[in-house]
Amino acid sequence: MPKIEPLYIPPKKKYDGAIRTAIYCRVSSHKKAQIESLAVQISALTNMVAYMPEHVLVDTYIDIASGSS
C-alpha cells in the first residue's frame, strides 16, 4: 500500500475572536476505499470550515479503527 503523506495546513497566528474548530474523520479499516473516503472527509470538512468566516480550523483528528469488535 503506498504511503499517504499528510497535508499540513498551518494554523492562523491570530484568532481575533474566531471560534476555534477541530474536525474528526473516521473510517473502519485500512482498505483502499476507506482511506480514499478518509481523504474525502478531510477535504469536505476542511472546506466547510474555510467557508465559515467566524471559525478557524485548529486541529484535525483522524481515527482508523478496526471494523471488528
Protein backbone atom coordinates (compact mmCIF):
# COMPACT_ATOMS: atom_id res chain seq x y z
CA MET A 1 0.00 0.00 0.00
CA PRO A 2 1.53 3.36 -0.97
CA LYS A 3 2.31 5.72 1.87
CA ILE A 4 -0.05 8.70 2.07
CA GLU A 5 1.68 11.88 3.14
CA PRO A 6 -0.42 14.14 5.37
CA LEU A 7 -1.27 17.61 4.17
CA TYR A 8 -0.09 20.26 6.61
CA ILE A 9 -2.33 23.28 7.00
CA PRO A 10 -0.59 25.82 9.22
CA PRO A 11 -2.70 27.42 11.96
CA LYS A 12 -3.54 31.09 11.87
CA LYS A 13 -1.44 33.11 14.27
CA LYS A 14 -4.27 35.33 15.48
CA TYR A 15 -7.77 34.10 16.14
CA ASP A 16 -9.37 37.56 16.57
CA GLY A 17 -12.38 36.14 18.39
CA ALA A 18 -12.92 33.32 15.90
CA ILE A 19 -14.47 30.06 17.05
CA ARG A 20 -11.65 27.53 17.31
CA THR A 21 -12.80 24.44 15.43
CA ALA A 22 -11.48 20.89 15.06
CA ILE A 23 -12.66 18.24 12.64
CA TYR A 24 -12.93 14.50 13.30
CA CYS A 25 -12.77 11.96 10.49
CA ARG A 26 -13.14 8.21 10.91
CA VAL A 27 -13.00 5.08 8.81
CA SER A 28 -13.35 1.47 9.92
CA SER A 29 -10.38 -0.16 8.19
CA HIS A 30 -7.14 0.35 6.27
CA LYS A 31 -8.73 -0.75 2.98
CA LYS A 32 -8.06 1.48 -0.02
CA ALA A 33 -11.69 2.56 -0.36
CA GLN A 34 -11.79 3.53 3.31
CA ILE A 35 -8.58 5.55 3.06
CA GLU A 36 -9.97 7.33 0.00
CA SER A 37 -13.13 8.02 2.00
CA LEU A 38 -10.97 9.48 4.75
CA ALA A 39 -9.35 11.87 2.28
CA VAL A 40 -12.78 12.96 1.03
CA GLN A 41 -13.99 13.53 4.61
CA ILE A 42 -10.94 15.65 5.47
CA SER A 43 -11.28 17.69 2.29
CA ALA A 44 -15.02 18.30 2.70
CA LEU A 45 -14.81 19.27 6.36
CA THR A 46 -11.74 21.47 5.84
CA ASN A 47 -13.55 23.29 3.05
CA MET A 48 -16.66 23.64 5.20
CA VAL A 49 -14.70 25.34 7.97
CA ALA A 50 -12.88 27.53 5.45
CA TYR A 51 -16.22 28.91 4.22
CA MET A 52 -17.35 29.85 7.74
CA PRO A 53 -15.55 33.14 8.46
CA GLU A 54 -16.37 33.02 12.18
CA HIS A 55 -14.47 29.71 12.54
CA VAL A 56 -10.77 28.86 12.40
CA LEU A 57 -9.52 25.28 11.97
CA VAL A 58 -7.09 24.46 14.77
CA ASP A 59 -6.81 20.67 14.55
CA THR A 60 -7.84 17.56 12.65
CA TYR A 61 -8.42 14.23 14.36
CA ILE A 62 -8.25 11.02 12.36
CA ASP A 63 -9.41 7.62 13.56
CA ILE A 64 -8.76 4.41 11.65
CA ALA A 65 -10.42 1.70 13.70
CA SER A 66 -10.91 -1.98 13.14
CA GLY A 67 -14.35 -2.94 11.95
CA SER A 68 -14.33 -5.98 14.26
CA SER A 69 -15.13 -5.76 17.96
